[in-house]
């Protein structure tokens, strides 16, 4: 028998381009499968922390000034569930109007602190009540913050 000597390629680990591309795609797909669930978890977690806007009829109205006749001029904002909103001393002087269903919480404590519950005044409007009109709310003392639970 005659032994033929086979010549080894000068680059033994070099693969054809199509094979290299297939391996690269497989490796990329595997890496993406590992990373994407983590990204999805972060996105889901972030979305869970986002606050939802209440229904369009749920609003809190505050006044900063009066008309020439001395009537408070209320401006309404759609409520965001759980958001704490600052109330100025001037706003507090005129009280508030609450519109739509929800639990409206007013506190004399600043929004940024952890004492919101102290002397909190709550107005509850049930969903079964007429929720198209607004109810006036007067304050027994100066309020500094409000929050709504839809």
N, C-alpha and C. Protein backbone atom coordinates (compact mmCIF):
# COMPACT_ATOMS: atom_id res chain seq x y z
N UNK A 1 0.81 -1.18 0.00
CA UNK A 1 0.00 0.00 0.00
C UNK A 1 0.85 1.24 0.00
N UNK A 2 0.29 2.12 -0.70
CA UNK A 2 1.01 3.37 -0.80
C UNK A 2 0.35 4.39 0.12
N UNK A 3 1.09 4.97 1.00
CA UNK A 3 0.56 5.99 1.91
C UNK A 3 0.69 7.34 1.25
N UNK A 4 -0.39 7.96 1.22
CA UNK A 4 -0.35 9.31 0.67
C UNK A 4 -0.22 10.29 1.83
N UNK A 5 0.55 11.20 1.63
CA UNK A 5 0.67 12.22 2.67
C UNK A 5 -0.36 13.31 2.37
N UNK A 6 -1.09 13.57 3.33
CA UNK A 6 -2.08 14.63 3.20
C UNK A 6 -1.49 15.89 3.76
N UNK A 7 -1.71 16.88 3.07
CA UNK A 7 -1.22 18.15 3.52
C UNK A 7 -2.28 18.83 4.38
N UNK A 8 -1.93 19.24 5.58
CA UNK A 8 -2.84 19.93 6.47
C UNK A 8 -2.93 21.40 6.04
N UNK A 9 -4.10 21.95 6.17
CA UNK A 9 -4.22 23.36 5.81
C UNK A 9 -3.34 24.20 6.73
N UNK A 10 -2.91 25.31 6.22
CA UNK A 10 -2.02 26.16 7.00
C UNK A 10 -2.75 26.78 8.19
N UNK A 11 -4.08 26.89 8.08
CA UNK A 11 -4.87 27.40 9.20
C UNK A 11 -5.88 26.31 9.58
N UNK A 12 -5.53 25.48 10.52
CA UNK A 12 -6.39 24.33 10.81
C UNK A 12 -7.75 24.68 11.41
N UNK A 13 -7.92 25.86 12.05
CA UNK A 13 -9.19 26.18 12.70
C UNK A 13 -10.05 27.12 11.88
N UNK A 14 -9.65 27.45 10.72
CA UNK A 14 -10.42 28.33 9.86
C UNK A 14 -11.54 27.54 9.22
N UNK A 15 -12.77 28.01 9.40
CA UNK A 15 -13.93 27.34 8.85
C UNK A 15 -14.46 28.14 7.67
N UNK A 16 -15.20 27.50 6.80
CA UNK A 16 -15.81 28.24 5.69
C UNK A 16 -16.73 29.34 6.22
N UNK A 17 -16.91 30.39 5.46
CA UNK A 17 -17.69 31.56 5.89
C UNK A 17 -19.12 31.20 6.28
N UNK A 18 -19.76 30.31 5.56
CA UNK A 18 -21.14 29.96 5.88
C UNK A 18 -21.23 29.25 7.23
N UNK A 19 -20.27 28.39 7.53
CA UNK A 19 -20.25 27.70 8.82
C UNK A 19 -19.97 28.70 9.94
N UNK A 20 -19.05 29.61 9.72
CA UNK A 20 -18.72 30.63 10.71
C UNK A 20 -19.94 31.47 11.02
N UNK A 21 -20.67 31.88 10.00
CA UNK A 21 -21.86 32.70 10.18
C UNK A 21 -22.93 31.96 10.97
N UNK A 22 -23.10 30.67 10.69
CA UNK A 22 -24.10 29.87 11.41
C UNK A 22 -23.73 29.78 12.89
N UNK A 23 -22.45 29.56 13.18
CA UNK A 23 -22.02 29.49 14.57
C UNK A 23 -22.20 30.83 15.29
N UNK A 24 -21.87 31.91 14.58
CA UNK A 24 -22.03 33.23 15.17
C UNK A 24 -23.50 33.49 15.50
N UNK A 25 -24.40 33.18 14.58
CA UNK A 25 -25.84 33.38 14.79
C UNK A 25 -26.35 32.55 15.96
N UNK A 26 -25.90 31.31 16.06
CA UNK A 26 -26.31 30.44 17.16
C UNK A 26 -25.82 31.01 18.50
N UNK A 27 -24.57 31.47 18.54
CA UNK A 27 -24.01 32.04 19.76
C UNK A 27 -24.75 33.33 20.14
N UNK A 28 -25.08 34.15 19.15
CA UNK A 28 -25.80 35.40 19.40
C UNK A 28 -27.20 35.10 19.95
N UNK A 29 -27.87 34.13 19.36
CA UNK A 29 -29.21 33.75 19.81
C UNK A 29 -29.17 33.24 21.25
N UNK A 30 -28.17 32.45 21.57
CA UNK A 30 -28.05 31.92 22.93
C UNK A 30 -27.79 33.05 23.93
N UNK A 31 -26.91 33.98 23.57
CA UNK A 31 -26.60 35.10 24.46
C UNK A 31 -27.82 35.99 24.65
N UNK A 32 -28.57 36.22 23.59
CA UNK A 32 -29.77 37.05 23.68
C UNK A 32 -30.81 36.39 24.56
N UNK A 33 -30.95 35.09 24.45
CA UNK A 33 -31.93 34.37 25.28
C UNK A 33 -31.59 34.50 26.76
N UNK A 34 -30.31 34.61 27.08
CA UNK A 34 -29.90 34.75 28.46
C UNK A 34 -30.12 36.17 28.97
N UNK A 35 -29.90 37.17 28.14
CA UNK A 35 -29.97 38.56 28.54
C UNK A 35 -31.39 39.09 28.54
N UNK A 36 -32.18 38.79 27.54
CA UNK A 36 -33.50 39.38 27.38
C UNK A 36 -34.43 39.13 28.57
N UNK A 37 -34.50 37.93 29.17
CA UNK A 37 -35.39 37.79 30.33
C UNK A 37 -35.04 38.76 31.45
N UNK A 38 -33.78 39.05 31.65
CA UNK A 38 -33.38 40.02 32.67
C UNK A 38 -33.86 41.40 32.33
N UNK A 39 -33.76 41.78 31.07
CA UNK A 39 -34.23 43.09 30.63
C UNK A 39 -35.74 43.16 30.78
N UNK A 40 -36.44 42.09 30.41
CA UNK A 40 -37.89 42.07 30.56
C UNK A 40 -38.28 42.21 32.02
N UNK A 41 -37.56 41.56 32.90
CA UNK A 41 -37.87 41.65 34.32
C UNK A 41 -37.71 43.08 34.82
N UNK A 42 -36.66 43.77 34.37
CA UNK A 42 -36.45 45.15 34.77
C UNK A 42 -37.58 46.02 34.24
N UNK A 43 -37.98 45.82 32.98
CA UNK A 43 -39.06 46.60 32.40
C UNK A 43 -40.38 46.35 33.11
N UNK A 44 -40.68 45.12 33.42
CA UNK A 44 -41.92 44.78 34.13
C UNK A 44 -41.89 45.39 35.52
N UNK A 45 -40.76 45.30 36.21
CA UNK A 45 -40.64 45.85 37.55
C UNK A 45 -40.83 47.37 37.52
N UNK A 46 -40.22 48.03 36.54
CA UNK A 46 -40.36 49.48 36.39
C UNK A 46 -41.79 49.87 36.10
N UNK A 47 -42.47 49.10 35.27
CA UNK A 47 -43.86 49.40 34.93
C UNK A 47 -44.76 49.22 36.14
N UNK A 48 -44.45 48.26 36.99
CA UNK A 48 -45.26 48.03 38.18
C UNK A 48 -45.16 49.23 39.12
N UNK A 49 -44.03 49.92 39.11
CA UNK A 49 -43.86 51.06 39.98
C UNK A 49 -44.47 52.33 39.41
N UNK A 50 -44.76 52.35 38.13
CA UNK A 50 -45.36 53.51 37.52
C UNK A 50 -46.76 53.70 38.10
N UNK A 51 -47.16 54.97 38.28
CA UNK A 51 -48.46 55.26 38.85
C UNK A 51 -49.47 55.48 37.74
N UNK A 52 -50.67 55.00 37.98
CA UNK A 52 -51.72 55.09 36.98
C UNK A 52 -52.58 56.32 37.21
N UNK A 53 -52.97 56.93 36.11
CA UNK A 53 -53.87 58.06 36.18
C UNK A 53 -55.26 57.55 36.53
N UNK A 54 -55.97 58.27 37.38
CA UNK A 54 -57.34 57.88 37.72
C UNK A 54 -58.23 58.15 36.52
N UNK A 55 -59.51 57.81 36.64
CA UNK A 55 -60.44 58.09 35.56
C UNK A 55 -60.51 59.59 35.28
N UNK A 56 -60.94 59.96 34.08
CA UNK A 56 -60.94 61.38 33.70
C UNK A 56 -61.85 62.26 34.56
N UNK A 57 -62.82 61.66 35.22
CA UNK A 57 -63.72 62.45 36.06
C UNK A 57 -63.18 62.64 37.48
N UNK A 58 -62.12 61.93 37.85
CA UNK A 58 -61.54 62.05 39.20
C UNK A 58 -60.50 63.16 39.18
N UNK A 59 -60.83 64.26 39.84
CA UNK A 59 -59.97 65.45 39.83
C UNK A 59 -59.94 66.09 41.22
N UNK A 60 -58.89 66.88 41.42
CA UNK A 60 -58.80 67.73 42.60
C UNK A 60 -58.65 69.16 42.09
N UNK A 61 -59.48 70.05 42.61
CA UNK A 61 -59.46 71.45 42.18
C UNK A 61 -59.00 72.33 43.34
N UNK A 62 -58.02 73.18 43.06
CA UNK A 62 -57.49 74.12 44.05
C UNK A 62 -57.54 75.52 43.45
N UNK A 63 -57.61 76.53 44.32
CA UNK A 63 -57.65 77.93 43.87
C UNK A 63 -56.45 78.69 44.44
N UNK A 64 -55.87 79.54 43.60
CA UNK A 64 -54.75 80.40 44.01
C UNK A 64 -55.21 81.84 44.20
N UNK A 65 -56.30 82.21 43.56
CA UNK A 65 -56.72 83.60 43.56
C UNK A 65 -58.25 83.67 43.47
N UNK A 66 -58.77 84.88 43.62
CA UNK A 66 -60.21 85.10 43.54
C UNK A 66 -60.53 86.00 42.37
N UNK A 67 -61.79 85.98 41.98
CA UNK A 67 -62.26 86.88 40.93
C UNK A 67 -62.45 88.27 41.55
N UNK A 68 -62.83 89.25 40.73
CA UNK A 68 -63.09 90.60 41.23
C UNK A 68 -64.21 90.60 42.27
N UNK A 69 -65.11 89.63 42.15
CA UNK A 69 -66.21 89.52 43.11
C UNK A 69 -65.81 88.78 44.38
N UNK A 70 -64.57 88.27 44.43
CA UNK A 70 -64.09 87.57 45.62
C UNK A 70 -64.33 86.07 45.61
N UNK A 71 -64.77 85.53 44.47
CA UNK A 71 -65.00 84.09 44.36
C UNK A 71 -63.70 83.36 44.00
N UNK A 72 -63.36 82.30 44.74
CA UNK A 72 -62.14 81.55 44.41
C UNK A 72 -62.23 80.98 42.99
N UNK A 73 -61.12 81.05 42.27
CA UNK A 73 -61.04 80.53 40.90
C UNK A 73 -60.29 79.20 40.92
N UNK A 74 -61.05 78.11 40.88
CA UNK A 74 -60.48 76.77 41.00
C UNK A 74 -59.94 76.27 39.67
N UNK A 75 -58.78 75.62 39.74
CA UNK A 75 -58.20 74.93 38.59
C UNK A 75 -58.11 73.46 38.96
N UNK A 76 -58.61 72.61 38.06
CA UNK A 76 -58.68 71.18 38.35
C UNK A 76 -57.57 70.40 37.65
N UNK A 77 -57.08 69.37 38.32
CA UNK A 77 -56.08 68.46 37.76
C UNK A 77 -56.59 67.04 37.90
N UNK A 78 -56.43 66.25 36.83
CA UNK A 78 -56.80 64.84 36.89
C UNK A 78 -55.88 64.16 37.91
N UNK A 79 -56.46 63.37 38.77
CA UNK A 79 -55.71 62.72 39.84
C UNK A 79 -54.90 61.54 39.32
N UNK A 80 -53.74 61.33 39.92
CA UNK A 80 -52.89 60.17 39.63
C UNK A 80 -52.83 59.34 40.91
N UNK A 81 -53.19 58.08 40.81
CA UNK A 81 -53.29 57.21 41.98
C UNK A 81 -51.99 57.19 42.79
N UNK A 82 -52.09 57.60 44.05
CA UNK A 82 -50.95 57.54 44.96
C UNK A 82 -49.98 58.69 44.88
N UNK A 83 -50.10 59.56 43.88
CA UNK A 83 -49.19 60.70 43.75
C UNK A 83 -49.46 61.69 44.87
N UNK A 84 -48.41 62.25 45.43
CA UNK A 84 -48.56 63.31 46.43
C UNK A 84 -48.31 64.64 45.72
N UNK A 85 -49.24 65.58 45.92
CA UNK A 85 -49.17 66.87 45.25
C UNK A 85 -49.16 67.97 46.30
N UNK A 86 -48.25 68.92 46.14
CA UNK A 86 -48.12 70.01 47.11
C UNK A 86 -49.32 70.95 47.03
N UNK A 87 -49.70 71.46 48.20
CA UNK A 87 -50.78 72.43 48.33
C UNK A 87 -50.16 73.67 48.98
N UNK A 88 -50.35 74.83 48.36
CA UNK A 88 -49.80 76.05 48.94
C UNK A 88 -50.72 76.56 50.05
N UNK A 89 -50.23 77.48 50.86
CA UNK A 89 -51.05 78.07 51.92
C UNK A 89 -52.24 78.80 51.31
N UNK A 90 -52.03 79.45 50.18
CA UNK A 90 -53.12 80.15 49.49
C UNK A 90 -54.17 79.15 49.01
N UNK A 91 -53.74 78.01 48.42
CA UNK A 91 -54.68 76.96 48.02
C UNK A 91 -55.50 76.50 49.22
N UNK A 92 -54.82 76.28 50.31
CA UNK A 92 -55.45 75.74 51.51
C UNK A 92 -56.49 76.71 52.07
N UNK A 93 -56.21 77.99 51.93
CA UNK A 93 -57.14 79.02 52.41
C UNK A 93 -58.52 78.89 51.76
N UNK A 94 -58.56 78.52 50.49
CA UNK A 94 -59.82 78.40 49.75
C UNK A 94 -60.43 77.00 49.82
N UNK A 95 -59.75 76.06 50.44
CA UNK A 95 -60.22 74.68 50.48
C UNK A 95 -59.98 74.01 49.13
N UNK A 96 -60.77 73.01 48.83
CA UNK A 96 -60.59 72.28 47.57
C UNK A 96 -61.96 71.84 47.07
N UNK A 97 -61.98 71.37 45.85
CA UNK A 97 -63.16 70.68 45.31
C UNK A 97 -62.66 69.33 44.83
N UNK A 98 -63.39 68.28 45.18
CA UNK A 98 -63.03 66.94 44.72
C UNK A 98 -64.11 66.47 43.76
N UNK A 99 -63.68 65.89 42.66
CA UNK A 99 -64.61 65.47 41.62
C UNK A 99 -64.37 64.00 41.31
N UNK A 100 -65.47 63.28 41.08
CA UNK A 100 -65.36 61.88 40.70
C UNK A 100 -65.15 60.97 41.89
N UNK A 101 -65.10 59.65 41.61
CA UNK A 101 -64.94 58.68 42.69
C UNK A 101 -63.48 58.57 43.16
N UNK A 102 -63.31 58.24 44.42
CA UNK A 102 -61.96 58.02 44.97
C UNK A 102 -61.90 58.37 46.43
N UNK A 103 -60.73 58.14 47.02
CA UNK A 103 -60.45 58.54 48.39
C UNK A 103 -59.46 59.70 48.28
N UNK A 104 -59.87 60.87 48.72
CA UNK A 104 -59.06 62.09 48.61
C UNK A 104 -58.48 62.39 49.99
N UNK A 105 -57.15 62.37 50.09
CA UNK A 105 -56.46 62.55 51.36
C UNK A 105 -55.73 63.89 51.35
N UNK A 106 -55.98 64.71 52.37
CA UNK A 106 -55.32 66.00 52.51
C UNK A 106 -54.56 66.00 53.82
N UNK A 107 -53.31 66.45 53.79
CA UNK A 107 -52.46 66.41 54.98
C UNK A 107 -51.78 67.76 55.21
N UNK A 108 -51.63 68.16 56.48
CA UNK A 108 -50.89 69.39 56.77
C UNK A 108 -49.37 69.19 56.68
N UNK A 109 -48.95 67.95 56.48
CA UNK A 109 -47.52 67.64 56.42
C UNK A 109 -47.02 67.75 54.98
N UNK A 110 -45.74 68.02 54.83
CA UNK A 110 -45.13 68.15 53.50
C UNK A 110 -45.16 66.82 52.75
N UNK A 111 -45.22 66.91 51.44
CA UNK A 111 -45.29 65.69 50.60
C UNK A 111 -44.02 64.85 50.72
N UNK A 112 -42.88 65.49 50.88
CA UNK A 112 -41.61 64.77 50.87
C UNK A 112 -41.31 63.98 52.13
N UNK A 113 -41.98 64.25 53.20
CA UNK A 113 -41.68 63.57 54.46
C UNK A 113 -42.43 62.26 54.60
N UNK A 114 -42.26 61.64 55.75
CA UNK A 114 -42.92 60.35 56.01
C UNK A 114 -44.06 60.49 57.02
N UNK A 115 -44.53 61.71 57.26
CA UNK A 115 -45.57 61.97 58.26
C UNK A 115 -46.90 62.34 57.62
N UNK A 116 -47.13 61.96 56.37
CA UNK A 116 -48.34 62.33 55.64
C UNK A 116 -49.62 61.97 56.40
N UNK A 117 -49.61 60.88 57.14
CA UNK A 117 -50.79 60.39 57.85
C UNK A 117 -51.19 61.28 59.03
N UNK A 118 -50.26 62.10 59.52
CA UNK A 118 -50.53 62.93 60.70
C UNK A 118 -51.61 63.97 60.39
N UNK A 119 -52.70 63.96 61.14
CA UNK A 119 -53.84 64.89 60.99
C UNK A 119 -54.41 64.90 59.58
N UNK A 120 -54.33 63.77 58.92
CA UNK A 120 -54.84 63.65 57.55
C UNK A 120 -56.36 63.75 57.56
N UNK A 121 -56.90 64.47 56.58
CA UNK A 121 -58.34 64.58 56.39
C UNK A 121 -58.69 63.81 55.12
N UNK A 122 -59.64 62.89 55.18
CA UNK A 122 -60.00 62.08 54.03
C UNK A 122 -61.46 62.31 53.64
N UNK A 123 -61.67 62.47 52.34
CA UNK A 123 -63.01 62.58 51.78
C UNK A 123 -63.18 61.38 50.85
N UNK A 124 -64.20 60.57 51.12
CA UNK A 124 -64.45 59.38 50.30
C UNK A 124 -65.66 59.62 49.40
N UNK A 125 -65.49 59.37 48.11
CA UNK A 125 -66.59 59.45 47.16
C UNK A 125 -66.72 58.08 46.52
N UNK A 126 -67.81 57.40 46.81
CA UNK A 126 -68.04 56.05 46.30
C UNK A 126 -68.38 56.09 44.82
N UNK A 127 -68.05 55.03 44.11
CA UNK A 127 -68.34 54.96 42.68
C UNK A 127 -69.83 54.94 42.39
N UNK A 128 -70.64 54.56 43.38
CA UNK A 128 -72.09 54.50 43.16
C UNK A 128 -72.73 55.88 43.33
N UNK A 129 -71.98 56.84 43.91
CA UNK A 129 -72.52 58.19 44.07
C UNK A 129 -72.46 58.92 42.73
N UNK A 130 -73.19 60.03 42.65
CA UNK A 130 -73.12 60.86 41.44
C UNK A 130 -71.71 61.43 41.37
N UNK A 131 -70.96 61.00 40.37
CA UNK A 131 -69.55 61.37 40.31
C UNK A 131 -69.27 62.41 39.23
N UNK A 132 -70.32 63.00 38.66
CA UNK A 132 -70.09 64.01 37.61
C UNK A 132 -69.96 65.40 38.19
N UNK A 133 -70.36 65.59 39.43
CA UNK A 133 -70.24 66.91 40.05
C UNK A 133 -69.08 66.92 41.04
N UNK A 134 -68.71 68.12 41.46
CA UNK A 134 -67.61 68.27 42.40
C UNK A 134 -68.15 68.65 43.77
N UNK A 135 -67.48 68.19 44.80
CA UNK A 135 -67.89 68.48 46.18
C UNK A 135 -66.87 69.43 46.81
N UNK A 136 -67.33 70.50 47.44
CA UNK A 136 -66.39 71.40 48.12
C UNK A 136 -65.86 70.76 49.40
N UNK A 137 -64.61 71.03 49.69
CA UNK A 137 -63.97 70.52 50.91
C UNK A 137 -63.32 71.71 51.60
N UNK A 138 -63.67 71.92 52.88
CA UNK A 138 -63.01 72.98 53.64
C UNK A 138 -62.01 72.32 54.59
N UNK A 139 -60.97 73.05 54.90
CA UNK A 139 -59.92 72.50 55.73
C UNK A 139 -59.95 73.14 57.12
N UNK A 140 -59.80 72.32 58.17
CA UNK A 140 -59.78 72.87 59.53
C UNK A 140 -58.46 73.57 59.87
N UNK A 141 -57.42 73.29 59.09
CA UNK A 141 -56.11 73.90 59.26
C UNK A 141 -55.41 73.90 57.90
N UNK A 142 -54.28 74.56 57.81
CA UNK A 142 -53.56 74.69 56.54
C UNK A 142 -53.04 73.33 56.09
N UNK A 143 -53.39 72.98 54.87
CA UNK A 143 -52.91 71.72 54.29
C UNK A 143 -51.67 71.98 53.43
N UNK A 144 -50.81 70.98 53.33
CA UNK A 144 -49.57 71.14 52.57
C UNK A 144 -49.46 70.12 51.42
N UNK A 145 -50.32 69.09 51.43
CA UNK A 145 -50.16 68.02 50.46
C UNK A 145 -51.47 67.25 50.30
N UNK A 146 -51.70 66.73 49.11
CA UNK A 146 -52.84 65.83 48.94
C UNK A 146 -52.44 64.62 48.12
N UNK A 147 -53.24 63.57 48.26
CA UNK A 147 -53.04 62.32 47.53
C UNK A 147 -54.41 61.71 47.27
N UNK A 148 -54.54 60.99 46.15
CA UNK A 148 -55.80 60.37 45.80
C UNK A 148 -55.59 58.88 45.59
N UNK A 149 -56.51 58.08 46.14
CA UNK A 149 -56.52 56.64 45.88
C UNK A 149 -57.74 56.38 45.01
N UNK A 150 -57.51 55.92 43.79
CA UNK A 150 -58.60 55.68 42.85
C UNK A 150 -59.30 54.37 43.18
